[in-house]
PDB file of N, CA and C in Angstrom:
ATOM      1  N   UNK A   1      14.661  93.610   9.017  1.00  0.00           N
ATOM      2  CA  UNK A   1      15.865  94.402   8.929  1.00  0.00           C
ATOM      3  C   UNK A   1      15.710  95.689   9.733  1.00  0.00           C
ATOM      4  N   UNK A   2      14.759  96.523   9.377  1.00  0.00           N
ATOM      5  CA  UNK A   2      14.566  97.773  10.107  1.00  0.00           C
ATOM      6  C   UNK A   2      14.189  97.500  11.560  1.00  0.00           C
ATOM      7  N   UNK A   3      13.341  96.495  11.762  1.00  0.00           N
ATOM      8  CA  UNK A   3      12.872  96.193  13.115  1.00  0.00           C
ATOM      9  C   UNK A   3      14.026  95.769  14.007  1.00  0.00           C
ATOM     10  N   UNK A   4      14.954  94.969  13.490  1.00  0.00           N
ATOM     11  CA  UNK A   4      16.121  94.569  14.279  1.00  0.00           C
ATOM     12  C   UNK A   4      16.948  95.785  14.680  1.00  0.00           C
ATOM     13  N   UNK A   5      17.169  96.677  13.751  1.00  0.00           N
ATOM     14  CA  UNK A   5      17.932  97.894  14.056  1.00  0.00           C
ATOM     15  C   UNK A   5      17.175  98.774  15.055  1.00  0.00           C
ATOM     16  N   UNK A   6      15.860  98.855  14.881  1.00  0.00           N
ATOM     17  CA  UNK A   6      15.041  99.648  15.793  1.00  0.00           C
ATOM     18  C   UNK A   6      15.135  99.088  17.209  1.00  0.00           C
ATOM     19  N   UNK A   7      15.047  97.774  17.334  1.00  0.00           N
ATOM     20  CA  UNK A   7      15.153  97.156  18.658  1.00  0.00           C
ATOM     21  C   UNK A   7      16.537  97.376  19.274  1.00  0.00           C
ATOM     22  N   UNK A   8      17.589  97.289  18.473  1.00  0.00           N
ATOM     23  CA  UNK A   8      18.945  97.528  18.996  1.00  0.00           C
ATOM     24  C   UNK A   8      19.094  98.963  19.498  1.00  0.00           C
ATOM     25  N   UNK A   9      18.611  99.924  18.737  1.00  0.00           N
ATOM     26  CA  UNK A   9      18.719 101.331  19.156  1.00  0.00           C
ATOM     27  C   UNK A   9      17.865 101.601  20.385  1.00  0.00           C
ATOM     28  N   UNK A  10      16.681 101.005  20.433  1.00  0.00           N
ATOM     29  CA  UNK A  10      15.813 101.170  21.602  1.00  0.00           C
ATOM     30  C   UNK A  10      16.487 100.585  22.834  1.00  0.00           C
ATOM     31  N   UNK A  11      17.125  99.424  22.685  1.00  0.00           N
ATOM     32  CA  UNK A  11      17.850  98.818  23.802  1.00  0.00           C
ATOM     33  C   UNK A  11      19.020  99.692  24.234  1.00  0.00           C
ATOM     34  N   UNK A  12      19.723 100.265  23.277  1.00  0.00           N
ATOM     35  CA  UNK A  12      20.835 101.168  23.591  1.00  0.00           C
ATOM     36  C   UNK A  12      20.344 102.353  24.417  1.00  0.00           C
ATOM     37  N   UNK A  13      19.224 102.934  24.014  1.00  0.00           N
ATOM     38  CA  UNK A  13      18.653 104.053  24.752  1.00  0.00           C
ATOM     39  C   UNK A  13      18.194 103.612  26.135  1.00  0.00           C
ATOM     40  N   UNK A  14      17.569 102.450  26.214  1.00  0.00           N
ATOM     41  CA  UNK A  14      17.118 101.939  27.513  1.00  0.00           C
ATOM     42  C   UNK A  14      18.293 101.700  28.443  1.00  0.00           C
ATOM     43  N   UNK A  15      19.415 101.228  27.909  1.00  0.00           N
ATOM     44  CA  UNK A  15      20.590 100.974  28.745  1.00  0.00           C
ATOM     45  C   UNK A  15      21.116 102.247  29.389  1.00  0.00           C
ATOM     46  N   UNK A  16      20.971 103.358  28.716  1.00  0.00           N
ATOM     47  CA  UNK A  16      21.427 104.635  29.267  1.00  0.00           C
ATOM     48  C   UNK A  16      20.652 104.971  30.538  1.00  0.00           C
ATOM     49  N   UNK A  17      19.389 104.555  30.607  1.00  0.00           N
ATOM     50  CA  UNK A  17      18.518 104.934  31.706  1.00  0.00           C
ATOM     51  C   UNK A  17      18.348 103.869  32.787  1.00  0.00           C
ATOM     52  N   UNK A  18      19.052 102.749  32.692  1.00  0.00           N
ATOM     53  CA  UNK A  18      18.873 101.713  33.705  1.00  0.00           C
ATOM     54  C   UNK A  18      19.399 102.179  35.049  1.00  0.00           C
ATOM     55  N   UNK A  19      18.790 101.683  36.096  1.00  0.00           N
ATOM     56  CA  UNK A  19      19.210 102.058  37.455  1.00  0.00           C
ATOM     57  C   UNK A  19      20.644 101.632  37.717  1.00  0.00           C
ATOM     58  N   UNK A  20      21.012 100.456  37.273  1.00  0.00           N
ATOM     59  CA  UNK A  20      22.384  99.977  37.488  1.00  0.00           C
ATOM     60  C   UNK A  20      23.379 100.893  36.796  1.00  0.00           C
ATOM     61  N   UNK A  21      23.071 101.274  35.563  1.00  0.00           N
ATOM     62  CA  UNK A  21      23.959 102.171  34.829  1.00  0.00           C
ATOM     63  C   UNK A  21      24.048 103.529  35.519  1.00  0.00           C
ATOM     64  N   UNK A  22      22.922 104.037  36.000  1.00  0.00           N
ATOM     65  CA  UNK A  22      22.933 105.326  36.701  1.00  0.00           C
ATOM     66  C   UNK A  22      23.783 105.246  37.955  1.00  0.00           C
ATOM     67  N   UNK A  23      23.674 104.146  38.700  1.00  0.00           N
ATOM     68  CA  UNK A  23      24.490 103.996  39.905  1.00  0.00           C
ATOM     69  C   UNK A  23      25.967 103.869  39.554  1.00  0.00           C
ATOM     70  N   UNK A  24      26.270 103.156  38.496  1.00  0.00           N
ATOM     71  CA  UNK A  24      27.657 102.975  38.082  1.00  0.00           C
ATOM     72  C   UNK A  24      28.297 104.307  37.701  1.00  0.00           C
ATOM     73  N   UNK A  25      27.508 105.179  37.107  1.00  0.00           N
ATOM     74  CA  UNK A  25      28.032 106.461  36.643  1.00  0.00           C
ATOM     75  C   UNK A  25      27.859 107.588  37.661  1.00  0.00           C
ATOM     76  N   UNK A  26      27.318 107.280  38.824  1.00  0.00           N
ATOM     77  CA  UNK A  26      27.064 108.320  39.829  1.00  0.00           C
ATOM     78  C   UNK A  26      28.368 108.827  40.424  1.00  0.00           C
ATOM     79  N   UNK A  27      28.315 110.068  40.869  1.00  0.00           N
ATOM     80  CA  UNK A  27      29.490 110.615  41.548  1.00  0.00           C
ATOM     81  C   UNK A  27      29.511 110.137  42.999  1.00  0.00           C
ATOM     82  N   UNK A  28      30.450 110.644  43.780  1.00  0.00           N
ATOM     83  CA  UNK A  28      30.596 110.176  45.166  1.00  0.00           C
ATOM     84  C   UNK A  28      29.386 110.497  46.045  1.00  0.00           C
ATOM     85  N   UNK A  29      28.534 111.416  45.624  1.00  0.00           N
ATOM     86  CA  UNK A  29      27.331 111.778  46.378  1.00  0.00           C
ATOM     87  C   UNK A  29      26.088 111.047  45.864  1.00  0.00           C
ATOM     88  N   UNK A  30      26.260 110.172  44.873  1.00  0.00           N
ATOM     89  CA  UNK A  30      25.132 109.413  44.328  1.00  0.00           C
ATOM     90  C   UNK A  30      24.369 110.126  43.231  1.00  0.00           C
ATOM     91  N   UNK A  31      24.873 111.270  42.783  1.00  0.00           N
ATOM     92  CA  UNK A  31      24.205 112.012  41.709  1.00  0.00           C
ATOM     93  C   UNK A  31      24.594 111.425  40.347  1.00  0.00           C
ATOM     94  N   UNK A  32      23.612 111.172  39.483  1.00  0.00           N
ATOM     95  CA  UNK A  32      23.969 110.639  38.159  1.00  0.00           C
ATOM     96  C   UNK A  32      24.740 111.686  37.369  1.00  0.00           C
ATOM     97  N   UNK A  33      25.751 111.249  36.663  1.00  0.00           N
ATOM     98  CA  UNK A  33      26.510 112.207  35.868  1.00  0.00           C
ATOM     99  C   UNK A  33      26.663 111.774  34.423  1.00  0.00           C
ATOM    100  N   UNK A  34      26.514 110.490  34.147  1.00  0.00           N
ATOM    101  CA  UNK A  34      26.744 109.995  32.795  1.00  0.00           C
ATOM    102  C   UNK A  34      25.747 110.534  31.794  1.00  0.00           C
ATOM    103  N   UNK A  35      24.474 110.175  31.939  1.00  0.00           N
ATOM    104  CA  UNK A  35      23.494 110.569  30.936  1.00  0.00           C
ATOM    105  C   UNK A  35      23.144 112.044  31.035  1.00  0.00           C
ATOM    106  N   UNK A  36      23.372 112.669  32.198  1.00  0.00           N
ATOM    107  CA  UNK A  36      23.046 114.080  32.360  1.00  0.00           C
ATOM    108  C   UNK A  36      24.164 114.988  31.862  1.00  0.00           C
ATOM    109  N   UNK A  37      25.297 114.420  31.493  1.00  0.00           N
ATOM    110  CA  UNK A  37      26.404 115.225  30.970  1.00  0.00           C
ATOM    111  C   UNK A  37      26.083 115.636  29.532  1.00  0.00           C
ATOM    112  N   UNK A  38      26.779 116.636  29.023  1.00  0.00           N
ATOM    113  CA  UNK A  38      26.546 117.024  27.623  1.00  0.00           C
ATOM    114  C   UNK A  38      26.750 115.868  26.647  1.00  0.00           C
ATOM    115  N   UNK A  39      27.777 115.053  26.867  1.00  0.00           N
ATOM    116  CA  UNK A  39      28.013 113.905  25.974  1.00  0.00           C
ATOM    117  C   UNK A  39      26.893 112.878  26.119  1.00  0.00           C
ATOM    118  N   UNK A  40      26.432 112.655  27.340  1.00  0.00           N
ATOM    119  CA  UNK A  40      25.341 111.715  27.570  1.00  0.00           C
ATOM    120  C   UNK A  40      24.060 112.169  26.885  1.00  0.00           C
ATOM    121  N   UNK A  41      23.766 113.450  26.988  1.00  0.00           N
ATOM    122  CA  UNK A  41      22.557 113.978  26.353  1.00  0.00           C
ATOM    123  C   UNK A  41      22.668 113.930  24.834  1.00  0.00           C
ATOM    124  N   UNK A  42      23.878 114.150  24.324  1.00  0.00           N
ATOM    125  CA  UNK A  42      24.087 114.035  22.888  1.00  0.00           C
ATOM    126  C   UNK A  42      23.856 112.587  22.437  1.00  0.00           C
ATOM    127  N   UNK A  43      24.318 111.611  23.214  1.00  0.00           N
ATOM    128  CA  UNK A  43      24.107 110.204  22.881  1.00  0.00           C
ATOM    129  C   UNK A  43      22.625 109.858  22.919  1.00  0.00           C
ATOM    130  N   UNK A  44      21.903 110.375  23.902  1.00  0.00           N
ATOM    131  CA  UNK A  44      20.462 110.141  23.987  1.00  0.00           C
ATOM    132  C   UNK A  44      19.766 110.734  22.770  1.00  0.00           C
ATOM    133  N   UNK A  45      20.125 111.943  22.399  1.00  0.00           N
ATOM    134  CA  UNK A  45      19.531 112.597  21.232  1.00  0.00           C
ATOM    135  C   UNK A  45      19.840 111.812  19.966  1.00  0.00           C
ATOM    136  N   UNK A  46      21.078 111.315  19.847  1.00  0.00           N
ATOM    137  CA  UNK A  46      21.462 110.514  18.688  1.00  0.00           C
ATOM    138  C   UNK A  46      20.620 109.240  18.605  1.00  0.00           C
ATOM    139  N   UNK A  47      20.445 108.565  19.737  1.00  0.00           N
ATOM    140  CA  UNK A  47      19.613 107.350  19.765  1.00  0.00           C
ATOM    141  C   UNK A  47      18.185 107.668  19.337  1.00  0.00           C
ATOM    142  N   UNK A  48      17.626 108.757  19.855  1.00  0.00           N
ATOM    143  CA  UNK A  48      16.254 109.138  19.501  1.00  0.00           C
ATOM    144  C   UNK A  48      16.144 109.441  18.010  1.00  0.00           C
ATOM    145  N   UNK A  49      17.158 110.094  17.448  1.00  0.00           N
ATOM    146  CA  UNK A  49      17.132 110.402  16.018  1.00  0.00           C
ATOM    147  C   UNK A  49      17.161 109.125  15.185  1.00  0.00           C
ATOM    148  N   UNK A  50      18.010 108.173  15.575  1.00  0.00           N
ATOM    149  CA  UNK A  50      18.079 106.905  14.845  1.00  0.00           C
ATOM    150  C   UNK A  50      16.761 106.154  14.960  1.00  0.00           C
ATOM    151  N   UNK A  51      16.185 106.130  16.171  1.00  0.00           N
ATOM    152  CA  UNK A  51      14.898 105.459  16.371  1.00  0.00           C
ATOM    153  C   UNK A  51      13.821 106.108  15.499  1.00  0.00           C
ATOM    154  N   UNK A  52      13.799 107.424  15.450  1.00  0.00           N
ATOM    155  CA  UNK A  52      12.808 108.120  14.620  1.00  0.00           C
ATOM    156  C   UNK A  52      12.999 107.800  13.141  1.00  0.00           C
ATOM    157  N   UNK A  53      14.251 107.786  12.684  1.00  0.00           N
ATOM    158  CA  UNK A  53      14.526 107.453  11.281  1.00  0.00           C
ATOM    159  C   UNK A  53      14.082 106.030  10.950  1.00  0.00           C
ATOM    160  N   UNK A  54      14.381 105.103  11.849  1.00  0.00           N
ATOM    161  CA  UNK A  54      13.986 103.712  11.616  1.00  0.00           C
ATOM    162  C   UNK A  54      12.468 103.557  11.627  1.00  0.00           C
ATOM    163  N   UNK A  55      11.805 104.240  12.562  1.00  0.00           N
ATOM    164  CA  UNK A  55      10.343 104.168  12.623  1.00  0.00           C
ATOM    165  C   UNK A  55       9.732 104.728  11.338  1.00  0.00           C
ATOM    166  N   UNK A  56      10.297 105.804  10.826  1.00  0.00           N
ATOM    167  CA  UNK A  56       9.813 106.378   9.573  1.00  0.00           C
ATOM    168  C   UNK A  56      10.018 105.403   8.420  1.00  0.00           C
ATOM    169  N   UNK A  57      11.166 104.746   8.390  1.00  0.00           N
ATOM    170  CA  UNK A  57      11.425 103.764   7.335  1.00  0.00           C
ATOM    171  C   UNK A  57      10.430 102.613   7.390  1.00  0.00           C
ATOM    172  N   UNK A  58      10.124 102.161   8.602  1.00  0.00           N
ATOM    173  CA  UNK A  58       9.149 101.083   8.757  1.00  0.00           C
ATOM    174  C   UNK A  58       7.767 101.551   8.306  1.00  0.00           C
ATOM    175  N   UNK A  59       7.404 102.787   8.678  1.00  0.00           N
ATOM    176  CA  UNK A  59       6.099 103.323   8.280  1.00  0.00           C
ATOM    177  C   UNK A  59       6.005 103.430   6.757  1.00  0.00           C
ATOM    178  N   UNK A  60       7.091 103.863   6.126  1.00  0.00           N
ATOM    179  CA  UNK A  60       7.083 103.985   4.666  1.00  0.00           C
ATOM    180  C   UNK A  60       6.991 102.616   3.994  1.00  0.00           C
ATOM    181  N   UNK A  61       7.503 101.588   4.683  1.00  0.00           N
ATOM    182  CA  UNK A  61       7.450 100.231   4.131  1.00  0.00           C
ATOM    183  C   UNK A  61       6.065  99.626   4.305  1.00  0.00           C
ATOM    184  N   UNK A  62       5.182 100.296   4.987  1.00  0.00           N
ATOM    185  CA  UNK A  62       3.816  99.808   5.141  1.00  0.00           C
ATOM    186  C   UNK A  62       3.618  98.901   6.335  1.00  0.00           C
ATOM    187  N   UNK A  63       4.418  99.066   7.386  1.00  0.00           N
ATOM    188  CA  UNK A  63       4.275  98.300   8.623  1.00  0.00           C
ATOM    189  C   UNK A  63       4.427  96.789   8.400  1.00  0.00           C
ATOM    190  N   UNK A  64       5.199  96.398   7.435  1.00  0.00           N
ATOM    191  CA  UNK A  64       5.365  94.967   7.177  1.00  0.00           C
ATOM    192  C   UNK A  64       6.134  94.275   8.293  1.00  0.00           C
ATOM    193  N   UNK A  65       7.067  94.972   8.934  1.00  0.00           N
ATOM    194  CA  UNK A  65       7.885  94.348   9.958  1.00  0.00           C
ATOM    195  C   UNK A  65       7.323  94.553  11.361  1.00  0.00           C
ATOM    196  N   UNK A  66       6.326  95.377  11.497  1.00  0.00           N
ATOM    197  CA  UNK A  66       5.866  95.762  12.831  1.00  0.00           C
ATOM    198  C   UNK A  66       4.442  96.279  12.707  1.00  0.00           C
ATOM    199  N   UNK A  67       3.620  96.019  13.710  1.00  0.00           N
ATOM    200  CA  UNK A  67       2.266  96.552  13.627  1.00  0.00           C
ATOM    201  C   UNK A  67       2.256  98.027  14.021  1.00  0.00           C
ATOM    202  N   UNK A  68       1.259  98.741  13.577  1.00  0.00           N
ATOM    203  CA  UNK A  68       1.186 100.195  13.771  1.00  0.00           C
ATOM    204  C   UNK A  68       1.160 100.571  15.244  1.00  0.00           C
ATOM    205  N   UNK A  69       0.464  99.817  16.077  1.00  0.00           N
ATOM    206  CA  UNK A  69       0.368 100.148  17.493  1.00  0.00           C
ATOM    207  C   UNK A  69       1.746 100.099  18.161  1.00  0.00           C
ATOM    208  N   UNK A  70       2.512  99.076  17.872  1.00  0.00           N
ATOM    209  CA  UNK A  70       3.854  98.960  18.443  1.00  0.00           C
ATOM    210  C   UNK A  70       4.732 100.112  17.987  1.00  0.00           C
ATOM    211  N   UNK A  71       4.671 100.422  16.710  1.00  0.00           N
ATOM    212  CA  UNK A  71       5.453 101.520  16.155  1.00  0.00           C
ATOM    213  C   UNK A  71       5.057 102.851  16.790  1.00  0.00           C
ATOM    214  N   UNK A  72       3.763 103.075  16.962  1.00  0.00           N
ATOM    215  CA  UNK A  72       3.286 104.302  17.610  1.00  0.00           C
ATOM    216  C   UNK A  72       3.768 104.396  19.057  1.00  0.00           C
ATOM    217  N   UNK A  73       3.785 103.273  19.768  1.00  0.00           N
ATOM    218  CA  UNK A  73       4.249 103.275  21.157  1.00  0.00           C
ATOM    219  C   UNK A  73       5.739 103.583  21.244  1.00  0.00           C
ATOM    220  N   UNK A  74       6.526 103.015  20.337  1.00  0.00           N
ATOM    221  CA  UNK A  74       7.965 103.294  20.316  1.00  0.00           C
ATOM    222  C   UNK A  74       8.203 104.771  20.027  1.00  0.00           C
ATOM    223  N   UNK A  75       7.499 105.307  19.040  1.00  0.00           N
ATOM    224  CA  UNK A  75       7.649 106.725  18.694  1.00  0.00           C
ATOM    225  C   UNK A  75       7.219 107.618  19.856  1.00  0.00           C
ATOM    226  N   UNK A  76       6.152 107.246  20.543  1.00  0.00           N
ATOM    227  CA  UNK A  76       5.666 108.021  21.682  1.00  0.00           C
ATOM    228  C   UNK A  76       6.695 108.056  22.809  1.00  0.00           C
ATOM    229  N   UNK A  77       7.278 106.903  23.110  1.00  0.00           N
ATOM    230  CA  UNK A  77       8.298 106.849  24.165  1.00  0.00           C
ATOM    231  C   UNK A  77       9.512 107.689  23.790  1.00  0.00           C
ATOM    232  N   UNK A  78       9.899 107.639  22.528  1.00  0.00           N
ATOM    233  CA  UNK A  78      11.044 108.437  22.070  1.00  0.00           C
ATOM    234  C   UNK A  78      10.752 109.926  22.217  1.00  0.00           C
ATOM    235  N   UNK A  79       9.537 110.327  21.845  1.00  0.00           N
ATOM    236  CA  UNK A  79       9.159 111.744  22.013  1.00  0.00           C
ATOM    237  C   UNK A  79       9.191 112.139  23.484  1.00  0.00           C
ATOM    238  N   UNK A  80       8.718 111.258  24.368  1.00  0.00           N
ATOM    239  CA  UNK A  80       8.716 111.574  25.808  1.00  0.00           C
ATOM    240  C   UNK A  80      10.141 111.785  26.325  1.00  0.00           C
ATOM    241  N   UNK A  81      11.071 110.968  25.851  1.00  0.00           N
ATOM    242  CA  UNK A  81      12.467 111.140  26.249  1.00  0.00           C
ATOM    243  C   UNK A  81      12.968 112.513  25.802  1.00  0.00           C
ATOM    244  N   UNK A  82      12.678 112.864  24.559  1.00  0.00           N
ATOM    245  CA  UNK A  82      13.135 114.163  24.052  1.00  0.00           C
ATOM    246  C   UNK A  82      12.454 115.320  24.788  1.00  0.00           C
ATOM    247  N   UNK A  83      11.166 115.182  25.108  1.00  0.00           N
ATOM    248  CA  UNK A  83      10.474 116.227  25.877  1.00  0.00           C
ATOM    249  C   UNK A  83      11.108 116.381  27.258  1.00  0.00           C
ATOM    250  N   UNK A  84      11.471 115.264  27.881  1.00  0.00           N
ATOM    251  CA  UNK A  84      12.102 115.315  29.207  1.00  0.00           C
ATOM    252  C   UNK A  84      13.446 116.025  29.129  1.00  0.00           C
ATOM    253  N   UNK A  85      14.195 115.728  28.077  1.00  0.00           N
ATOM    254  CA  UNK A  85      15.490 116.393  27.910  1.00  0.00           C
ATOM    255  C   UNK A  85      15.302 117.888  27.679  1.00  0.00           C
ATOM    256  N   UNK A  86      14.299 118.251  26.874  1.00  0.00           N
ATOM    257  CA  UNK A  86      14.034 119.668  26.609  1.00  0.00           C
ATOM    258  C   UNK A  86      13.691 120.387  27.905  1.00  0.00           C
ATOM    259  N   UNK A  87      12.891 119.747  28.763  1.00  0.00           N
ATOM    260  CA  UNK A  87      12.534 120.344  30.054  1.00  0.00           C
ATOM    261  C   UNK A  87      13.765 120.505  30.940  1.00  0.00           C
ATOM    262  N   UNK A  88      14.662 119.534  30.877  1.00  0.00           N
ATOM    263  CA  UNK A  88      15.876 119.625  31.687  1.00  0.00           C
ATOM    264  C   UNK A  88      16.772 120.757  31.184  1.00  0.00           C
ATOM    265  N   UNK A  89      16.858 120.930  29.867  1.00  0.00           N
ATOM    266  CA  UNK A  89      17.642 122.034  29.315  1.00  0.00           C
ATOM    267  C   UNK A  89      17.067 123.380  29.730  1.00  0.00           C
ATOM    268  N   UNK A  90      15.736 123.471  29.769  1.00  0.00           N
ATOM    269  CA  UNK A  90      15.066 124.728  30.119  1.00  0.00           C
ATOM    270  C   UNK A  90      15.266 125.085  31.591  1.00  0.00           C
ATOM    271  N   UNK A  91      15.448 124.075  32.425  1.00  0.00           N
ATOM    272  CA  UNK A  91      15.578 124.309  33.881  1.00  0.00           C
ATOM    273  C   UNK A  91      16.928 124.881  34.256  1.00  0.00           C
TER     274      UNK A  91
END
């Protein structure tokens, strides 16, 4: 149950960053505008929050649906996305 939701949210976040999606949302000069917009960043943050909540739920359940290494890797990738966004906000 949690793992299915975690995979769906992870896929949703991954879709935001695909090259095809970036090209589709690019302006006339090829600059990405979708995920870099305030709404796009809010959606990315929302996805990361859901992923973190689901990972915590899985951890509290005792890793029955997922092994610890996989869960740690998902959490690490989510943190990296948030760190990248924080760096972009600071710039």
